[in-house]
Amino acid sequence: MFYNVQEQEEFEFIHTSESEWDRADAAERGYNAADSEWILSGRDVWHKNPYFTGTPSGRHPEDDSDLRDEENQALLAELDDIPF
């Protein structure tokens, strides 16, 4: 039992995490940018835009795996030309 109202309020208060604030910020930015599939938050974190209305690409903005595959293929082609 609490005898101090402030102690009781502090005990019952639910602290919001930074990630919850971040998601809320991204959702608010996404509401104003329905043409963007991904939203970059103020903490430099990418979030899917829940208000996106276009055709989804399914790719994360920082996903460069296909670029690396092309580079790897070019390197392998160069290796094939080297006589052993």
N, C-alpha and C. Protein backbone atom coordinates (compact mmCIF):
# COMPACT_ATOMS: atom_id res chain seq x y z
N MET A 1 0.84 -1.17 0.00
CA MET A 1 0.00 0.00 0.00
C MET A 1 0.89 1.24 0.00
N PHE A 2 0.51 2.21 -0.80
CA PHE A 2 1.29 3.43 -0.91
C PHE A 2 0.63 4.54 -0.09
N TYR A 3 1.47 5.25 0.66
CA TYR A 3 0.98 6.38 1.43
C TYR A 3 1.25 7.70 0.70
N ASN A 4 2.06 7.61 -0.35
CA ASN A 4 2.42 8.79 -1.11
C ASN A 4 1.85 8.64 -2.52
N VAL A 5 1.04 9.58 -2.95
CA VAL A 5 0.38 9.50 -4.25
C VAL A 5 1.41 9.47 -5.37
N GLN A 6 2.49 10.26 -5.25
CA GLN A 6 3.51 10.29 -6.29
C GLN A 6 4.22 8.94 -6.43
N GLU A 7 4.48 8.27 -5.31
CA GLU A 7 5.10 6.95 -5.37
C GLU A 7 4.19 5.95 -6.07
N GLN A 8 2.90 6.01 -5.78
CA GLN A 8 1.95 5.11 -6.41
C GLN A 8 1.88 5.37 -7.91
N GLU A 9 1.83 6.65 -8.30
CA GLU A 9 1.79 6.98 -9.73
C GLU A 9 3.06 6.49 -10.44
N GLU A 10 4.21 6.67 -9.81
CA GLU A 10 5.47 6.22 -10.41
C GLU A 10 5.48 4.70 -10.54
N PHE A 11 4.96 4.01 -9.56
CA PHE A 11 4.92 2.55 -9.59
C PHE A 11 4.00 2.04 -10.70
N GLU A 12 2.87 2.71 -10.91
CA GLU A 12 1.89 2.25 -11.89
C GLU A 12 2.15 2.77 -13.30
N PHE A 13 3.06 3.71 -13.46
CA PHE A 13 3.33 4.31 -14.76
C PHE A 13 4.03 3.32 -15.68
N ILE A 14 3.58 3.23 -16.91
CA ILE A 14 4.21 2.34 -17.90
C ILE A 14 5.16 3.18 -18.74
N HIS A 15 6.43 2.87 -18.65
CA HIS A 15 7.45 3.62 -19.39
C HIS A 15 7.49 3.12 -20.83
N THR A 16 7.44 4.03 -21.78
CA THR A 16 7.51 3.70 -23.18
C THR A 16 8.98 3.60 -23.60
N SER A 17 9.30 2.58 -24.37
CA SER A 17 10.69 2.41 -24.80
C SER A 17 10.98 3.31 -26.00
N GLU A 18 12.27 3.50 -26.28
CA GLU A 18 12.67 4.32 -27.42
C GLU A 18 12.22 3.69 -28.73
N SER A 19 12.19 2.36 -28.79
CA SER A 19 11.76 1.71 -30.02
C SER A 19 10.27 1.95 -30.28
N GLU A 20 9.47 2.02 -29.23
CA GLU A 20 8.05 2.33 -29.42
C GLU A 20 7.88 3.75 -29.94
N TRP A 21 8.66 4.69 -29.40
CA TRP A 21 8.62 6.07 -29.89
C TRP A 21 9.06 6.11 -31.34
N ASP A 22 10.07 5.32 -31.67
CA ASP A 22 10.61 5.28 -33.03
C ASP A 22 9.57 4.77 -34.02
N ARG A 23 8.86 3.69 -33.66
CA ARG A 23 7.82 3.14 -34.54
C ARG A 23 6.68 4.14 -34.70
N ALA A 24 6.32 4.82 -33.62
CA ALA A 24 5.25 5.81 -33.70
C ALA A 24 5.66 6.98 -34.61
N ASP A 25 6.91 7.38 -34.51
CA ASP A 25 7.43 8.45 -35.37
C ASP A 25 7.40 8.03 -36.84
N ALA A 26 7.81 6.80 -37.11
CA ALA A 26 7.80 6.30 -38.49
C ALA A 26 6.38 6.19 -39.02
N ALA A 27 5.45 5.76 -38.18
CA ALA A 27 4.06 5.66 -38.62
C ALA A 27 3.49 7.04 -38.94
N GLU A 28 3.84 8.03 -38.14
CA GLU A 28 3.35 9.38 -38.40
C GLU A 28 3.95 9.93 -39.70
N ARG A 29 5.25 9.69 -39.91
CA ARG A 29 5.89 10.14 -41.16
C ARG A 29 5.31 9.38 -42.35
N GLY A 30 5.00 8.11 -42.16
CA GLY A 30 4.45 7.29 -43.23
C GLY A 30 3.06 7.72 -43.64
N TYR A 31 2.30 8.22 -42.70
CA TYR A 31 0.96 8.71 -43.00
C TYR A 31 1.02 9.86 -43.99
N ASN A 32 2.04 10.66 -43.87
CA ASN A 32 2.22 11.81 -44.76
C ASN A 32 3.00 11.47 -46.03
N ALA A 33 3.47 10.24 -46.17
CA ALA A 33 4.25 9.82 -47.34
C ALA A 33 3.80 8.44 -47.78
N ALA A 34 2.56 8.32 -48.23
CA ALA A 34 2.00 7.01 -48.59
C ALA A 34 2.66 6.41 -49.83
N ASP A 35 3.46 7.18 -50.57
CA ASP A 35 4.12 6.66 -51.76
C ASP A 35 5.47 6.02 -51.44
N SER A 36 5.93 6.11 -50.18
CA SER A 36 7.21 5.52 -49.78
C SER A 36 6.97 4.20 -49.06
N GLU A 37 7.62 3.15 -49.54
CA GLU A 37 7.45 1.84 -48.91
C GLU A 37 8.16 1.77 -47.56
N TRP A 38 9.28 2.43 -47.45
CA TRP A 38 10.06 2.43 -46.22
C TRP A 38 10.20 3.85 -45.69
N ILE A 39 10.24 3.99 -44.37
CA ILE A 39 10.38 5.27 -43.71
C ILE A 39 11.63 5.21 -42.84
N LEU A 40 12.48 6.22 -42.97
CA LEU A 40 13.67 6.32 -42.14
C LEU A 40 13.34 7.20 -40.94
N SER A 41 13.45 6.63 -39.76
CA SER A 41 13.09 7.37 -38.55
C SER A 41 14.20 8.35 -38.17
N GLY A 42 13.92 9.16 -37.19
CA GLY A 42 14.90 10.12 -36.71
C GLY A 42 16.10 9.46 -36.04
N ARG A 43 15.98 8.20 -35.66
CA ARG A 43 17.09 7.47 -35.04
C ARG A 43 17.84 6.63 -36.06
N ASP A 44 17.64 6.91 -37.36
CA ASP A 44 18.34 6.22 -38.44
C ASP A 44 18.01 4.73 -38.49
N VAL A 45 16.72 4.43 -38.35
CA VAL A 45 16.22 3.06 -38.41
C VAL A 45 15.14 3.00 -39.46
N TRP A 46 15.19 1.99 -40.34
CA TRP A 46 14.17 1.83 -41.39
C TRP A 46 12.98 1.06 -40.86
N HIS A 47 11.78 1.54 -41.20
CA HIS A 47 10.53 0.87 -40.83
C HIS A 47 9.66 0.76 -42.08
N LYS A 48 8.93 -0.36 -42.20
CA LYS A 48 7.96 -0.48 -43.29
C LYS A 48 6.83 0.51 -43.04
N ASN A 49 6.41 1.15 -44.09
CA ASN A 49 5.36 2.15 -43.99
C ASN A 49 4.00 1.45 -43.99
N PRO A 50 3.25 1.52 -42.89
CA PRO A 50 1.94 0.86 -42.85
C PRO A 50 0.91 1.52 -43.77
N TYR A 51 1.20 2.72 -44.24
CA TYR A 51 0.28 3.46 -45.11
C TYR A 51 0.69 3.42 -46.58
N PHE A 52 1.68 2.59 -46.91
CA PHE A 52 2.17 2.50 -48.29
C PHE A 52 1.07 1.96 -49.19
N THR A 53 0.85 2.64 -50.35
CA THR A 53 -0.24 2.26 -51.24
C THR A 53 0.23 1.71 -52.57
N GLY A 54 1.53 1.67 -52.82
CA GLY A 54 2.05 1.19 -54.10
C GLY A 54 2.29 -0.30 -54.12
N THR A 55 2.98 -0.76 -55.15
CA THR A 55 3.34 -2.16 -55.28
C THR A 55 4.61 -2.41 -54.46
N PRO A 56 4.57 -3.30 -53.48
CA PRO A 56 5.75 -3.51 -52.64
C PRO A 56 6.87 -4.21 -53.39
N SER A 57 8.09 -3.74 -53.15
CA SER A 57 9.25 -4.37 -53.79
C SER A 57 9.73 -5.55 -52.96
N GLY A 58 9.42 -5.55 -51.66
CA GLY A 58 9.85 -6.64 -50.80
C GLY A 58 11.31 -6.54 -50.39
N ARG A 59 11.98 -5.47 -50.78
CA ARG A 59 13.39 -5.30 -50.48
C ARG A 59 13.59 -4.20 -49.45
N HIS A 60 14.50 -4.45 -48.54
CA HIS A 60 14.91 -3.44 -47.58
C HIS A 60 15.76 -2.41 -48.31
N PRO A 61 15.66 -1.13 -47.96
CA PRO A 61 16.43 -0.09 -48.66
C PRO A 61 17.94 -0.29 -48.61
N GLU A 62 18.44 -0.98 -47.60
CA GLU A 62 19.88 -1.20 -47.51
C GLU A 62 20.30 -2.58 -47.99
N ASP A 63 19.38 -3.31 -48.61
CA ASP A 63 19.70 -4.64 -49.14
C ASP A 63 20.40 -4.49 -50.48
N ASP A 64 21.66 -4.85 -50.51
CA ASP A 64 22.41 -4.77 -51.75
C ASP A 64 22.90 -6.15 -52.18
N SER A 65 22.18 -7.19 -51.79
CA SER A 65 22.62 -8.56 -52.08
C SER A 65 22.72 -8.83 -53.58
N ASP A 66 21.80 -8.29 -54.38
CA ASP A 66 21.89 -8.53 -55.81
C ASP A 66 23.11 -7.83 -56.41
N LEU A 67 23.49 -6.68 -55.87
CA LEU A 67 24.69 -6.00 -56.34
C LEU A 67 25.92 -6.82 -56.02
N ARG A 68 25.94 -7.40 -54.82
CA ARG A 68 27.08 -8.23 -54.46
C ARG A 68 27.13 -9.47 -55.34
N ASP A 69 25.98 -10.04 -55.68
CA ASP A 69 25.96 -11.21 -56.55
C ASP A 69 26.53 -10.86 -57.92
N GLU A 70 26.18 -9.69 -58.46
CA GLU A 70 26.71 -9.28 -59.75
C GLU A 70 28.23 -9.10 -59.68
N GLU A 71 28.70 -8.49 -58.59
CA GLU A 71 30.14 -8.31 -58.41
C GLU A 71 30.84 -9.66 -58.30
N ASN A 72 30.23 -10.59 -57.56
CA ASN A 72 30.82 -11.91 -57.42
C ASN A 72 30.87 -12.63 -58.76
N GLN A 73 29.81 -12.51 -59.54
CA GLN A 73 29.80 -13.15 -60.85
C GLN A 73 30.90 -12.59 -61.75
N ALA A 74 31.12 -11.27 -61.68
CA ALA A 74 32.17 -10.65 -62.48
C ALA A 74 33.55 -11.14 -62.03
N LEU A 75 33.74 -11.27 -60.72
CA LEU A 75 35.02 -11.77 -60.21
C LEU A 75 35.24 -13.22 -60.61
N LEU A 76 34.19 -14.03 -60.54
CA LEU A 76 34.32 -15.43 -60.96
C LEU A 76 34.63 -15.54 -62.45
N ALA A 77 34.04 -14.68 -63.25
CA ALA A 77 34.33 -14.68 -64.69
C ALA A 77 35.80 -14.32 -64.93
N GLU A 78 36.33 -13.38 -64.15
CA GLU A 78 37.74 -13.02 -64.28
C GLU A 78 38.63 -14.18 -63.86
N LEU A 79 38.24 -14.90 -62.82
CA LEU A 79 39.03 -16.05 -62.36
C LEU A 79 39.04 -17.16 -63.41
N ASP A 80 37.94 -17.32 -64.13
CA ASP A 80 37.89 -18.35 -65.17
C ASP A 80 38.89 -18.06 -66.28
N ASP A 81 39.23 -16.81 -66.48
CA ASP A 81 40.17 -16.44 -67.53
C ASP A 81 41.63 -16.63 -67.13
N ILE A 82 41.90 -16.84 -65.83
CA ILE A 82 43.28 -16.99 -65.36
C ILE A 82 43.70 -18.43 -65.54
N PRO A 83 44.81 -18.68 -66.28
CA PRO A 83 45.28 -20.07 -66.43
C PRO A 83 46.03 -20.52 -65.17
N PHE A 84 45.76 -21.74 -64.75
CA PHE A 84 46.45 -22.27 -63.56
C PHE A 84 47.49 -23.26 -63.96
